[in-house]
Amino acid sequence: MKLATLKNHTRDGQLVVVSRDLTQCVAVPAIAATLQQALDDWGTTEAPLREIYQALNAGSVTGAQPFEQSACASPLPRAFQWADGSAYVNHVELVRKARDAEMPPSFWTDPLMYQGGSDDFIGPYEDVRLPTEDMGIDFEGEIAVITDDVPMGISATAARDSVRLVMVVNDVSLRGLIPNELAKGFGFFQSKPASAFSPVAVTPDELGDDWREGKLHLPLLSYYNGELFGKPNAGVDMTFDFGQLIAHAARTRNLGAGAVIGSGTVSNKQGTDFGTSISEGGVGYSCIAEVRMIETIRDGKPSTPFMKFGDRIRMEVLDSSGSSIFGAIDQRVVQAS
């Protein structure tokens, strides 16, 4: 099943069921007006939503309309919880190598996670508005899940069953602000502005065998200013699956329905110490920072600049037939007025 949120005059938009091929959608106010309402009562809403989905794919729904990805907000325009992990330890290792720092062994067994701002998600086709280019603007291509209610102390195996929906994320980062924030010993805040999510959120069963062991086993494509920048497989080199990430987040607290848990930057080691760019025949990267880390390790200093106003990033996941699963995130970076 595929669900999306169309922008309207309200904060939380209008929930729609979207056809498998992303061409048609239909609002379902009699079932739930918003995605959060559907998640709050998933045991009651899931079955009728699936009936609508099946009928929509069969072409037998009254009131269906063309689906426009650019008309979407993020599936949850705001959420009670947004916690982002760092499941691809290769990414963390590169960060530390670039500054000649040892990586603690615990990073391979205990996930990193920060609590992001969830009150102002950006729509997938909305501009990323920021005050200045000097903050080191970067994109980060990730996978995220939306959970049902999760009890404190849940096991990693049981936590996999709490995943209700899967999405793509552009977790915008301001690299120039991160060092000073982390040096304070209190974590990210200003360096992590609003994130954007794919137009469509998808139930795990819709992904078939590409969703297994709590991971999405498909490449995440990132196009930077129209050129393929990365295509790492989200199921490869993922040290912690989503069950482990959810269990980590719920170790000392309950998670409410609609909690969003991110994977961190998708990163493949590609059989080398540093990974390999697209131009060198590799799968590339999901953020600029990794390229700069590798340049620092190899050359002593980075040469690739961070994003400038007017730059564009597009992220998408395709199925085996080449069809878009979640729709695309397609954004420009612009100066905030």
C-alpha atoms as a PDB file:
ATOM      1  CA  MET A   1       0.000   0.000   0.000  1.00  0.00           C
ATOM      2  CA  LYS A   2       1.169   3.519  -0.813  1.00  0.00           C
ATOM      3  CA  LEU A   3       0.081   6.622   1.092  1.00  0.00           C
ATOM      4  CA  ALA A   4       0.798  10.335   0.687  1.00  0.00           C
ATOM      5  CA  THR A   5      -0.251  13.705   2.061  1.00  0.00           C
ATOM      6  CA  LEU A   6      -1.455  16.453  -0.244  1.00  0.00           C
ATOM      7  CA  LYS A   7      -0.997  20.044   0.868  1.00  0.00           C
ATOM      8  CA  ASN A   8      -4.188  21.915   1.770  1.00  0.00           C
ATOM      9  CA  HIS A   9      -5.203  24.740   4.074  1.00  0.00           C
ATOM     10  CA  THR A  10      -4.410  22.722   7.218  1.00  0.00           C
ATOM     11  CA  ARG A  11      -1.108  22.012   8.963  1.00  0.00           C
ATOM     12  CA  ASP A  12      -1.303  18.258   8.465  1.00  0.00           C
ATOM     13  CA  GLY A  13      -2.638  18.068   4.901  1.00  0.00           C
ATOM     14  CA  GLN A  14      -4.982  15.529   3.328  1.00  0.00           C
ATOM     15  CA  LEU A  15      -4.237  11.813   3.434  1.00  0.00           C
ATOM     16  CA  VAL A  16      -4.542  10.084   0.058  1.00  0.00           C
ATOM     17  CA  VAL A  17      -4.117   6.511  -1.085  1.00  0.00           C
ATOM     18  CA  VAL A  18      -1.790   6.393  -4.115  1.00  0.00           C
ATOM     19  CA  SER A  19      -1.798   3.824  -6.908  1.00  0.00           C
ATOM     20  CA  ARG A  20       1.160   1.474  -7.263  1.00  0.00           C
ATOM     21  CA  ASP A  21       2.339   3.257 -10.423  1.00  0.00           C
ATOM     22  CA  LEU A  22       2.058   6.688  -8.728  1.00  0.00           C
ATOM     23  CA  THR A  23      -0.372   8.026 -11.345  1.00  0.00           C
ATOM     24  CA  GLN A  24      -3.662   8.180  -9.394  1.00  0.00           C
ATOM     25  CA  CYS A  25      -4.754   8.974  -5.849  1.00  0.00           C
ATOM     26  CA  VAL A  26      -7.939   9.267  -3.817  1.00  0.00           C
ATOM     27  CA  ALA A  27      -8.716  11.016  -0.544  1.00  0.00           C
ATOM     28  CA  VAL A  28     -10.193   8.863   2.218  1.00  0.00           C
ATOM     29  CA  PRO A  29     -11.744  11.257   4.781  1.00  0.00           C
ATOM     30  CA  ALA A  30     -14.275   8.624   5.907  1.00  0.00           C
ATOM     31  CA  ILE A  31     -11.331   6.464   7.041  1.00  0.00           C
ATOM     32  CA  ALA A  32      -8.793   9.094   8.133  1.00  0.00           C
ATOM     33  CA  ALA A  33      -8.301  12.728   7.233  1.00  0.00           C
ATOM     34  CA  THR A  34      -4.550  12.650   7.900  1.00  0.00           C
ATOM     35  CA  LEU A  35      -1.803  10.066   7.989  1.00  0.00           C
ATOM     36  CA  GLN A  36      -1.300  10.595  11.727  1.00  0.00           C
ATOM     37  CA  GLN A  37      -4.986   9.789  12.302  1.00  0.00           C
ATOM     38  CA  ALA A  38      -4.577   6.587  10.307  1.00  0.00           C
ATOM     39  CA  LEU A  39      -1.502   5.600  12.304  1.00  0.00           C
ATOM     40  CA  ASP A  40      -3.152   6.382  15.633  1.00  0.00           C
ATOM     41  CA  ASP A  41      -5.816   3.766  14.887  1.00  0.00           C
ATOM     42  CA  TRP A  42      -3.919   1.478  12.484  1.00  0.00           C
ATOM     43  CA  GLY A  43      -5.701  -1.654  13.680  1.00  0.00           C
ATOM     44  CA  THR A  44      -8.969  -0.163  12.432  1.00  0.00           C
ATOM     45  CA  THR A  45      -7.825   1.884   9.437  1.00  0.00           C
ATOM     46  CA  GLU A  46      -5.363  -0.468   7.750  1.00  0.00           C
ATOM     47  CA  ALA A  47      -7.900  -2.908   6.269  1.00  0.00           C
ATOM     48  CA  PRO A  48     -10.200  -0.302   4.655  1.00  0.00           C
ATOM     49  CA  LEU A  49      -7.179   1.621   3.348  1.00  0.00           C
ATOM     50  CA  ARG A  50      -5.917  -1.569   1.713  1.00  0.00           C
ATOM     51  CA  GLU A  51      -9.324  -2.155   0.132  1.00  0.00           C
ATOM     52  CA  ILE A  52      -9.198   1.323  -1.389  1.00  0.00           C
ATOM     53  CA  TYR A  53      -5.642   0.677  -2.570  1.00  0.00           C
ATOM     54  CA  GLN A  54      -6.606  -2.553  -4.330  1.00  0.00           C
ATOM     55  CA  ALA A  55      -9.618  -0.908  -5.960  1.00  0.00           C
ATOM     56  CA  LEU A  56      -7.519   2.079  -7.046  1.00  0.00           C
ATOM     57  CA  ASN A  57      -5.005  -0.219  -8.744  1.00  0.00           C
ATOM     58  CA  ALA A  58      -7.884  -2.017 -10.443  1.00  0.00           C
ATOM     59  CA  GLY A  59      -9.304   1.273 -11.725  1.00  0.00           C
ATOM     60  CA  SER A  60     -12.584   0.886  -9.873  1.00  0.00           C
ATOM     61  CA  VAL A  61     -12.497   3.811  -7.433  1.00  0.00           C
ATOM     62  CA  THR A  62     -14.883   6.736  -7.777  1.00  0.00           C
ATOM     63  CA  GLY A  63     -13.297  10.125  -7.213  1.00  0.00           C
ATOM     64  CA  ALA A  64      -9.731   9.198  -8.146  1.00  0.00           C
ATOM     65  CA  GLN A  65      -7.578  12.049  -9.427  1.00  0.00           C
ATOM     66  CA  PRO A  66      -4.151  12.381 -11.031  1.00  0.00           C
ATOM     67  CA  PHE A  67      -1.356  12.138  -8.476  1.00  0.00           C
ATOM     68  CA  GLU A  68       1.081  15.054  -8.563  1.00  0.00           C
ATOM     69  CA  GLN A  69       4.218  14.532  -6.517  1.00  0.00           C
ATOM     70  CA  SER A  70       4.901  18.266  -6.438  1.00  0.00           C
ATOM     71  CA  ALA A  71       1.575  18.797  -4.627  1.00  0.00           C
ATOM     72  CA  CYS A  72       2.703  16.655  -1.698  1.00  0.00           C
ATOM     73  CA  ALA A  73       3.891  17.563   1.723  1.00  0.00           C
ATOM     74  CA  SER A  74       6.149  15.058   3.433  1.00  0.00           C
ATOM     75  CA  PRO A  75       3.918  12.056   4.323  1.00  0.00           C
ATOM     76  CA  LEU A  76       3.904  13.338   7.901  1.00  0.00           C
ATOM     77  CA  PRO A  77       4.206  17.140   7.563  1.00  0.00           C
ATOM     78  CA  ARG A  78       5.117  17.134  11.250  1.00  0.00           C
ATOM     79  CA  ALA A  79       5.643  14.275  13.665  1.00  0.00           C
ATOM     80  CA  PHE A  80       5.752  13.624  17.392  1.00  0.00           C
ATOM     81  CA  GLN A  81       9.188  12.002  17.028  1.00  0.00           C
ATOM     82  CA  TRP A  82      12.081  12.116  14.542  1.00  0.00           C
ATOM     83  CA  ALA A  83      15.151  10.180  15.660  1.00  0.00           C
ATOM     84  CA  ASP A  84      17.951   9.631  13.179  1.00  0.00           C
ATOM     85  CA  GLY A  85      20.518   6.888  13.580  1.00  0.00           C
ATOM     86  CA  SER A  86      23.852   6.225  11.926  1.00  0.00           C
ATOM     87  CA  ALA A  87      23.432   2.641  10.815  1.00  0.00           C
ATOM     88  CA  TYR A  88      26.147   2.730   8.134  1.00  0.00           C
ATOM     89  CA  VAL A  89      29.260   2.675  10.287  1.00  0.00           C
ATOM     90  CA  ASN A  90      31.425   3.096   7.186  1.00  0.00           C
ATOM     91  CA  HIS A  91      30.137   6.682   7.067  1.00  0.00           C
ATOM     92  CA  VAL A  92      31.098   7.270  10.706  1.00  0.00           C
ATOM     93  CA  GLU A  93      34.506   5.670  10.171  1.00  0.00           C
ATOM     94  CA  LEU A  94      35.237   7.978   7.248  1.00  0.00           C
ATOM     95  CA  VAL A  95      34.333  11.045   9.310  1.00  0.00           C
ATOM     96  CA  ARG A  96      36.784  10.047  12.016  1.00  0.00           C
ATOM     97  CA  LYS A  97      39.562   9.008   9.610  1.00  0.00           C
ATOM     98  CA  ALA A  98      39.388  12.391   7.943  1.00  0.00           C
ATOM     99  CA  ARG A  99      40.286  14.057  11.227  1.00  0.00           C
ATOM    100  CA  ASP A 100      42.748  11.287  12.187  1.00  0.00           C
ATOM    101  CA  ALA A 101      40.636  10.106  15.132  1.00  0.00           C
ATOM    102  CA  GLU A 102      40.255   6.535  16.328  1.00  0.00           C
ATOM    103  CA  MET A 103      36.765   5.094  16.196  1.00  0.00           C
ATOM    104  CA  PRO A 104      35.631   3.534  19.486  1.00  0.00           C
ATOM    105  CA  PRO A 105      34.894  -0.224  19.110  1.00  0.00           C
ATOM    106  CA  SER A 106      31.446   0.381  20.666  1.00  0.00           C
ATOM    107  CA  PHE A 107      30.338   2.158  17.474  1.00  0.00           C
ATOM    108  CA  TRP A 108      30.049  -1.301  15.856  1.00  0.00           C
ATOM    109  CA  THR A 109      27.714  -2.594  18.574  1.00  0.00           C
ATOM    110  CA  ASP A 110      25.853   0.446  19.946  1.00  0.00           C
ATOM    111  CA  PRO A 111      24.079   2.683  17.389  1.00  0.00           C
ATOM    112  CA  LEU A 112      24.582   6.429  17.275  1.00  0.00           C
ATOM    113  CA  MET A 113      21.303   8.378  17.284  1.00  0.00           C
ATOM    114  CA  TYR A 114      20.189  11.984  17.628  1.00  0.00           C
ATOM    115  CA  GLN A 115      16.740  13.496  18.104  1.00  0.00           C
ATOM    116  CA  GLY A 116      15.937  15.807  15.212  1.00  0.00           C
ATOM    117  CA  GLY A 117      13.410  18.595  14.803  1.00  0.00           C
ATOM    118  CA  SER A 118      10.082  17.129  13.721  1.00  0.00           C
ATOM    119  CA  ASP A 119       7.775  20.145  13.849  1.00  0.00           C
ATOM    120  CA  ASP A 120       8.625  21.488  10.388  1.00  0.00           C
ATOM    121  CA  PHE A 121       9.381  18.868   7.740  1.00  0.00           C
ATOM    122  CA  ILE A 122       9.891  20.168   4.204  1.00  0.00           C
ATOM    123  CA  GLY A 123       7.810  18.932   1.278  1.00  0.00           C
ATOM    124  CA  PRO A 124       9.687  16.737  -1.226  1.00  0.00           C
ATOM    125  CA  TYR A 125       9.537  19.384  -3.969  1.00  0.00           C
ATOM    126  CA  GLU A 126       9.905  22.427  -1.738  1.00  0.00           C
ATOM    127  CA  ASP A 127      13.030  24.581  -1.701  1.00  0.00           C
ATOM    128  CA  VAL A 128      15.464  24.176   1.175  1.00  0.00           C
ATOM    129  CA  ARG A 129      15.628  27.731   2.533  1.00  0.00           C
ATOM    130  CA  LEU A 130      18.687  28.659   4.578  1.00  0.00           C
ATOM    131  CA  PRO A 131      20.229  31.952   5.713  1.00  0.00           C
ATOM    132  CA  THR A 132      23.691  31.682   4.171  1.00  0.00           C
ATOM    133  CA  GLU A 133      25.913  29.387   2.092  1.00  0.00           C
ATOM    134  CA  ASP A 134      28.662  29.737   4.688  1.00  0.00           C
ATOM    135  CA  MET A 135      27.107  27.098   6.955  1.00  0.00           C
ATOM    136  CA  GLY A 136      28.370  24.188   4.844  1.00  0.00           C
ATOM    137  CA  ILE A 137      25.081  23.026   3.296  1.00  0.00           C
ATOM    138  CA  ASP A 138      24.928  19.303   2.561  1.00  0.00           C
ATOM    139  CA  PHE A 139      22.309  16.732   1.612  1.00  0.00           C
ATOM    140  CA  GLU A 140      22.156  13.276   3.197  1.00  0.00           C
ATOM    141  CA  GLY A 141      20.303  10.471   1.430  1.00  0.00           C
ATOM    142  CA  GLU A 142      18.698   8.080   3.891  1.00  0.00           C
ATOM    143  CA  ILE A 143      15.904   5.568   4.402  1.00  0.00           C
ATOM    144  CA  ALA A 144      13.398   6.059   7.212  1.00  0.00           C
ATOM    145  CA  VAL A 145      10.517   4.137   8.727  1.00  0.00           C
ATOM    146  CA  ILE A 146       7.341   5.183  10.512  1.00  0.00           C
ATOM    147  CA  THR A 147       6.410   3.007  13.477  1.00  0.00           C
ATOM    148  CA  ASP A 148       3.292   1.928  15.292  1.00  0.00           C
ATOM    149  CA  ASP A 149       3.218   2.279  19.093  1.00  0.00           C
ATOM    150  CA  VAL A 150       6.448   0.764  20.432  1.00  0.00           C
ATOM    151  CA  PRO A 151       6.774  -0.271  24.088  1.00  0.00           C
ATOM    152  CA  MET A 152       9.873   0.574  26.086  1.00  0.00           C
ATOM    153  CA  GLY A 153      12.394  -2.260  26.190  1.00  0.00           C
ATOM    154  CA  ILE A 154      11.229  -3.973  23.004  1.00  0.00           C
ATOM    155  CA  SER A 155      13.623  -6.481  21.439  1.00  0.00           C
ATOM    156  CA  ALA A 156      15.231  -5.739  18.087  1.00  0.00           C
ATOM    157  CA  THR A 157      13.457  -8.727  16.518  1.00  0.00           C
ATOM    158  CA  ALA A 158      10.030  -7.646  17.767  1.00  0.00           C
ATOM    159  CA  ALA A 159      10.729  -4.031  16.788  1.00  0.00           C
ATOM    160  CA  ARG A 160      10.875  -5.013  13.112  1.00  0.00           C
ATOM    161  CA  ASP A 161       7.161  -5.798  13.297  1.00  0.00           C
ATOM    162  CA  SER A 162       6.413  -2.237  14.457  1.00  0.00           C
ATOM    163  CA  VAL A 163       7.397  -0.782  11.055  1.00  0.00           C
ATOM    164  CA  ARG A 164       4.272   0.495   9.330  1.00  0.00           C
ATOM    165  CA  LEU A 165       5.702   2.586   6.490  1.00  0.00           C
ATOM    166  CA  VAL A 166       9.020   3.141   4.695  1.00  0.00           C
ATOM    167  CA  MET A 167      10.246   6.406   3.103  1.00  0.00           C
ATOM    168  CA  VAL A 168      13.289   8.155   1.610  1.00  0.00           C
ATOM    169  CA  VAL A 169      14.828  11.117   3.467  1.00  0.00           C
ATOM    170  CA  ASN A 170      16.954  14.119   2.632  1.00  0.00           C
ATOM    171  CA  ASP A 171      18.411  14.883   6.049  1.00  0.00           C
ATOM    172  CA  VAL A 172      19.807  18.364   5.425  1.00  0.00           C
ATOM    173  CA  SER A 173      22.987  19.085   7.374  1.00  0.00           C
ATOM    174  CA  LEU A 174      24.950  22.268   8.005  1.00  0.00           C
ATOM    175  CA  ARG A 175      28.471  20.871   8.227  1.00  0.00           C
ATOM    176  CA  GLY A 176      30.041  24.177   9.201  1.00  0.00           C
ATOM    177  CA  LEU A 177      27.995  24.313  12.394  1.00  0.00           C
ATOM    178  CA  ILE A 178      28.437  20.700  13.494  1.00  0.00           C
ATOM    179  CA  PRO A 179      31.954  20.818  15.031  1.00  0.00           C
ATOM    180  CA  ASN A 180      31.188  23.673  17.444  1.00  0.00           C
ATOM    181  CA  GLU A 181      27.866  22.125  18.454  1.00  0.00           C
ATOM    182  CA  LEU A 182      29.394  18.720  19.140  1.00  0.00           C
ATOM    183  CA  ALA A 183      32.265  20.359  21.028  1.00  0.00           C
ATOM    184  CA  LYS A 184      29.729  21.612  23.545  1.00  0.00           C
ATOM    185  CA  GLY A 185      28.963  17.978  24.402  1.00  0.00           C
ATOM    186  CA  PHE A 186      25.214  18.365  23.956  1.00  0.00           C
ATOM    187  CA  GLY A 187      24.606  17.198  20.370  1.00  0.00           C
ATOM    188  CA  PHE A 188      23.077  18.577  17.182  1.00  0.00           C
ATOM    189  CA  PHE A 189      20.527  21.359  17.052  1.00  0.00           C
ATOM    190  CA  GLN A 190      21.187  24.343  14.766  1.00  0.00           C
ATOM    191  CA  SER A 191      23.294  22.168  12.457  1.00  0.00           C
ATOM    192  CA  LYS A 192      20.278  19.963  11.677  1.00  0.00           C
ATOM    193  CA  PRO A 193      17.560  22.068   9.988  1.00  0.00           C
ATOM    194  CA  ALA A 194      14.290  20.673   8.640  1.00  0.00           C
ATOM    195  CA  SER A 195      14.440  17.375   6.734  1.00  0.00           C
ATOM    196  CA  ALA A 196      12.397  16.344   3.687  1.00  0.00           C
ATOM    197  CA  PHE A 197      10.754  12.980   3.001  1.00  0.00           C
ATOM    198  CA  SER A 198       9.658  11.259  -0.192  1.00  0.00           C
ATOM    199  CA  PRO A 199       6.171  12.050  -1.548  1.00  0.00           C
ATOM    200  CA  VAL A 200       4.986   8.507  -0.831  1.00  0.00           C
ATOM    201  CA  ALA A 201       5.276   6.272   2.222  1.00  0.00           C
ATOM    202  CA  VAL A 202       5.041   2.541   1.485  1.00  0.00           C
ATOM    203  CA  THR A 203       4.053  -0.438   3.621  1.00  0.00           C
ATOM    204  CA  PRO A 204       6.862  -3.029   3.889  1.00  0.00           C
ATOM    205  CA  ASP A 205       4.834  -5.770   2.164  1.00  0.00           C
ATOM    206  CA  GLU A 206       4.653  -3.585  -0.957  1.00  0.00           C
ATOM    207  CA  LEU A 207       8.438  -3.925  -1.267  1.00  0.00           C
ATOM    208  CA  GLY A 208       8.358  -7.730  -1.510  1.00  0.00           C
ATOM    209  CA  ASP A 209      11.721  -9.454  -1.144  1.00  0.00           C
ATOM    210  CA  ASP A 210      13.484  -6.078  -1.334  1.00  0.00           C
ATOM    211  CA  TRP A 211      12.410  -5.564   2.295  1.00  0.00           C
ATOM    212  CA  ARG A 212      13.952  -8.237   4.493  1.00  0.00           C
ATOM    213  CA  GLU A 213      15.803  -8.474   7.791  1.00  0.00           C
ATOM    214  CA  GLY A 214      14.650  -4.963   8.639  1.00  0.00           C
ATOM    215  CA  LYS A 215      16.450  -3.422   5.647  1.00  0.00           C
ATOM    216  CA  LEU A 216      15.595  -2.071   2.189  1.00  0.00           C
ATOM    217  CA  HIS A 217      17.784  -3.937  -0.313  1.00  0.00           C
ATOM    218  CA  LEU A 218      17.719  -1.444  -3.191  1.00  0.00           C
ATOM    219  CA  PRO A 219      20.010   1.369  -4.384  1.00  0.00           C
ATOM    220  CA  LEU A 220      19.289   4.913  -3.275  1.00  0.00           C
ATOM    221  CA  LEU A 221      19.902   7.179  -6.269  1.00  0.00           C
ATOM    222  CA  SER A 222      21.127  10.738  -5.704  1.00  0.00           C
ATOM    223  CA  TYR A 223      21.397  13.205  -8.590  1.00  0.00           C
ATOM    224  CA  TYR A 224      23.316  16.385  -7.769  1.00  0.00           C
ATOM    225  CA  ASN A 225      22.711  19.192 -10.266  1.00  0.00           C
ATOM    226  CA  GLY A 226      21.465  16.636 -12.769  1.00  0.00           C
ATOM    227  CA  GLU A 227      24.387  14.199 -12.542  1.00  0.00           C
ATOM    228  CA  LEU A 228      24.331  10.832 -10.788  1.00  0.00           C
ATOM    229  CA  PHE A 229      26.215  11.331  -7.537  1.00  0.00           C
ATOM    230  CA  GLY A 230      25.484   8.067  -5.752  1.00  0.00           C
ATOM    231  CA  LYS A 231      23.690   4.741  -6.010  1.00  0.00           C
ATOM    232  CA  PRO A 232      24.711   2.803  -2.860  1.00  0.00           C
ATOM    233  CA  ASN A 233      22.513  -0.123  -1.907  1.00  0.00           C
ATOM    234  CA  ALA A 234      20.612   0.620   1.297  1.00  0.00           C
ATOM    235  CA  GLY A 235      20.783  -3.041   2.340  1.00  0.00           C
ATOM    236  CA  VAL A 236      24.578  -3.297   2.029  1.00  0.00           C
ATOM    237  CA  ASP A 237      26.959  -2.331   4.855  1.00  0.00           C
ATOM    238  CA  MET A 238      23.996  -1.413   7.104  1.00  0.00           C
ATOM    239  CA  THR A 239      25.465  -2.424  10.453  1.00  0.00           C
ATOM    240  CA  PHE A 240      22.214  -1.887  12.372  1.00  0.00           C
ATOM    241  CA  ASP A 241      18.853  -2.831  10.838  1.00  0.00           C
ATOM    242  CA  PHE A 242      15.686  -0.889  11.573  1.00  0.00           C
ATOM    243  CA  GLY A 243      14.683  -3.341  14.290  1.00  0.00           C
ATOM    244  CA  GLN A 244      17.914  -2.538  16.123  1.00  0.00           C
ATOM    245  CA  LEU A 245      17.497   1.197  15.573  1.00  0.00           C
ATOM    246  CA  ILE A 246      13.906   1.181  16.857  1.00  0.00           C
ATOM    247  CA  ALA A 247      14.868  -0.931  19.868  1.00  0.00           C
ATOM    248  CA  HIS A 248      17.727   1.477  20.603  1.00  0.00           C
ATOM    249  CA  ALA A 249      15.331   4.456  20.498  1.00  0.00           C
ATOM    250  CA  ALA A 250      12.867   2.614  22.764  1.00  0.00           C
ATOM    251  CA  ARG A 251      15.397   1.392  25.301  1.00  0.00           C
ATOM    252  CA  THR A 252      14.261   3.869  27.971  1.00  0.00           C
ATOM    253  CA  ARG A 253      10.989   5.267  26.577  1.00  0.00           C
ATOM    254  CA  ASN A 254       7.842   4.327  24.709  1.00  0.00           C
ATOM    255  CA  LEU A 255       7.524   5.472  21.086  1.00  0.00           C
ATOM    256  CA  GLY A 256       4.138   6.690  19.911  1.00  0.00           C
ATOM    257  CA  ALA A 257       2.465   5.756  16.644  1.00  0.00           C
ATOM    258  CA  GLY A 258       3.938   7.943  13.920  1.00  0.00           C
ATOM    259  CA  ALA A 259       7.479   7.981  15.286  1.00  0.00           C
ATOM    260  CA  VAL A 260       9.978   8.422  12.436  1.00  0.00           C
ATOM    261  CA  ILE A 261      13.299   6.581  12.670  1.00  0.00           C
ATOM    262  CA  GLY A 262      16.071   7.300  10.156  1.00  0.00           C
ATOM    263  CA  SER A 263      18.920   5.082   8.976  1.00  0.00           C
ATOM    264  CA  GLY A 264      21.580   7.735   8.679  1.00  0.00           C
ATOM    265  CA  THR A 265      23.478   8.368   5.447  1.00  0.00           C
ATOM    266  CA  VAL A 266      23.418   5.322   3.153  1.00  0.00           C
ATOM    267  CA  SER A 267      27.038   4.377   2.581  1.00  0.00           C
ATOM    268  CA  ASN A 268      28.742   1.400   0.913  1.00  0.00           C
ATOM    269  CA  LYS A 269      32.380   0.522   1.523  1.00  0.00           C
ATOM    270  CA  GLN A 270      32.655  -1.024  -1.971  1.00  0.00           C
ATOM    271  CA  GLY A 271      35.597  -3.260  -1.088  1.00  0.00           C
ATOM    272  CA  THR A 272      37.974  -0.349  -0.499  1.00  0.00           C
ATOM    273  CA  ASP A 273      38.997   1.731   2.472  1.00  0.00           C
ATOM    274  CA  PHE A 274      37.215   4.800   1.156  1.00  0.00           C
ATOM    275  CA  GLY A 275      34.521   3.820  -1.325  1.00  0.00           C
ATOM    276  CA  THR A 276      34.577   4.852  -4.977  1.00  0.00           C
ATOM    277  CA  SER A 277      32.901   7.656  -6.919  1.00  0.00           C
ATOM    278  CA  ILE A 278      30.566   7.135  -9.865  1.00  0.00           C
ATOM    279  CA  SER A 279      33.218   8.529 -12.247  1.00  0.00           C
ATOM    280  CA  GLU A 280      35.675   5.900 -10.970  1.00  0.00           C
ATOM    281  CA  GLY A 281      33.221   3.069 -11.568  1.00  0.00           C
ATOM    282  CA  GLY A 282      31.880   2.785  -8.015  1.00  0.00           C
ATOM    283  CA  VAL A 283      28.463   3.342  -6.460  1.00  0.00           C
ATOM    284  CA  GLY A 284      29.282   6.850  -5.274  1.00  0.00           C
ATOM    285  CA  TYR A 285      27.975   8.586  -2.180  1.00  0.00           C
ATOM    286  CA  SER A 286      24.845   9.933  -0.509  1.00  0.00           C
ATOM    287  CA  CYS A 287      26.333  13.170   0.807  1.00  0.00           C
ATOM    288  CA  ILE A 288      29.048  15.660  -0.098  1.00  0.00           C
ATOM    289  CA  ALA A 289      30.790  15.217   3.245  1.00  0.00           C
ATOM    290  CA  GLU A 290      31.959  11.695   2.360  1.00  0.00           C
ATOM    291  CA  VAL A 291      33.638  12.963  -0.810  1.00  0.00           C
ATOM    292  CA  ARG A 292      35.344  15.702   1.181  1.00  0.00           C
ATOM    293  CA  MET A 293      36.463  13.164   3.798  1.00  0.00           C
ATOM    294  CA  ILE A 294      38.055  10.992   1.124  1.00  0.00           C
ATOM    295  CA  GLU A 295      39.759  14.025  -0.458  1.00  0.00           C
ATOM    296  CA  THR A 296      41.132  14.944   2.970  1.00  0.00           C
ATOM    297  CA  ILE A 297      42.433  11.422   3.554  1.00  0.00           C
ATOM    298  CA  ARG A 298      43.993  11.165   0.075  1.00  0.00           C
ATOM    299  CA  ASP A 299      45.093  14.746  -0.599  1.00  0.00           C
ATOM    300  CA  GLY A 300      45.371  16.345   2.814  1.00  0.00           C
ATOM    301  CA  LYS A 301      42.469  18.741   2.218  1.00  0.00           C
ATOM    302  CA  PRO A 302      38.964  18.730   0.671  1.00  0.00           C
ATOM    303  CA  SER A 303      38.367  20.228  -2.763  1.00  0.00           C
ATOM    304  CA  THR A 304      34.655  19.583  -3.421  1.00  0.00           C
ATOM    305  CA  PRO A 305      32.546  22.525  -2.194  1.00  0.00           C
ATOM    306  CA  PHE A 306      29.334  22.215  -0.234  1.00  0.00           C
ATOM    307  CA  MET A 307      26.025  23.252  -1.802  1.00  0.00           C
ATOM    308  CA  LYS A 308      25.490  26.742  -3.135  1.00  0.00           C
ATOM    309  CA  PHE A 309      22.213  28.593  -3.610  1.00  0.00           C
ATOM    310  CA  GLY A 310      20.589  27.314  -6.782  1.00  0.00           C
ATOM    311  CA  ASP A 311      22.057  23.807  -6.478  1.00  0.00           C
ATOM    312  CA  ARG A 312      19.582  20.933  -6.823  1.00  0.00           C
ATOM    313  CA  ILE A 313      19.419  17.474  -5.274  1.00  0.00           C
ATOM    314  CA  ARG A 314      17.134  14.645  -6.404  1.00  0.00           C
ATOM    315  CA  MET A 315      16.742  11.324  -4.561  1.00  0.00           C
ATOM    316  CA  GLU A 316      14.800   8.262  -5.645  1.00  0.00           C
ATOM    317  CA  VAL A 317      14.573   4.483  -5.277  1.00  0.00           C
ATOM    318  CA  LEU A 318      13.573   2.354  -8.285  1.00  0.00           C
ATOM    319  CA  ASP A 319      12.264  -1.197  -8.303  1.00  0.00           C
ATOM    320  CA  SER A 320      13.688  -3.989 -10.476  1.00  0.00           C
ATOM    321  CA  SER A 321      11.622  -2.803 -13.445  1.00  0.00           C
ATOM    322  CA  GLY A 322      12.903   0.765 -13.157  1.00  0.00           C
ATOM    323  CA  SER A 323       9.714   2.230 -11.684  1.00  0.00           C
ATOM    324  CA  SER A 324       9.841   4.748  -8.860  1.00  0.00           C
ATOM    325  CA  ILE A 325       8.652   3.281  -5.564  1.00  0.00           C
ATOM    326  CA  PHE A 326       8.408   6.308  -3.268  1.00  0.00           C
ATOM    327  CA  GLY A 327       8.400   9.106  -5.811  1.00  0.00           C
ATOM    328  CA  ALA A 328      11.282  11.574  -5.818  1.00  0.00           C
ATOM    329  CA  ILE A 329      12.672  14.197  -3.499  1.00  0.00           C
ATOM    330  CA  ASP A 330      13.656  17.042  -5.831  1.00  0.00           C
ATOM    331  CA  GLN A 331      14.832  20.244  -4.145  1.00  0.00           C
ATOM    332  CA  ARG A 332      16.820  23.408  -4.708  1.00  0.00           C
ATOM    333  CA  VAL A 333      18.804  25.198  -2.032  1.00  0.00           C
ATOM    334  CA  VAL A 334      17.814  28.882  -1.885  1.00  0.00           C
ATOM    335  CA  GLN A 335      18.453  31.821   0.399  1.00  0.00           C
ATOM    336  CA  ALA A 336      15.802  32.410   3.029  1.00  0.00           C
ATOM    337  CA  SER A 337      14.153  35.790   2.631  1.00  0.00           C
END
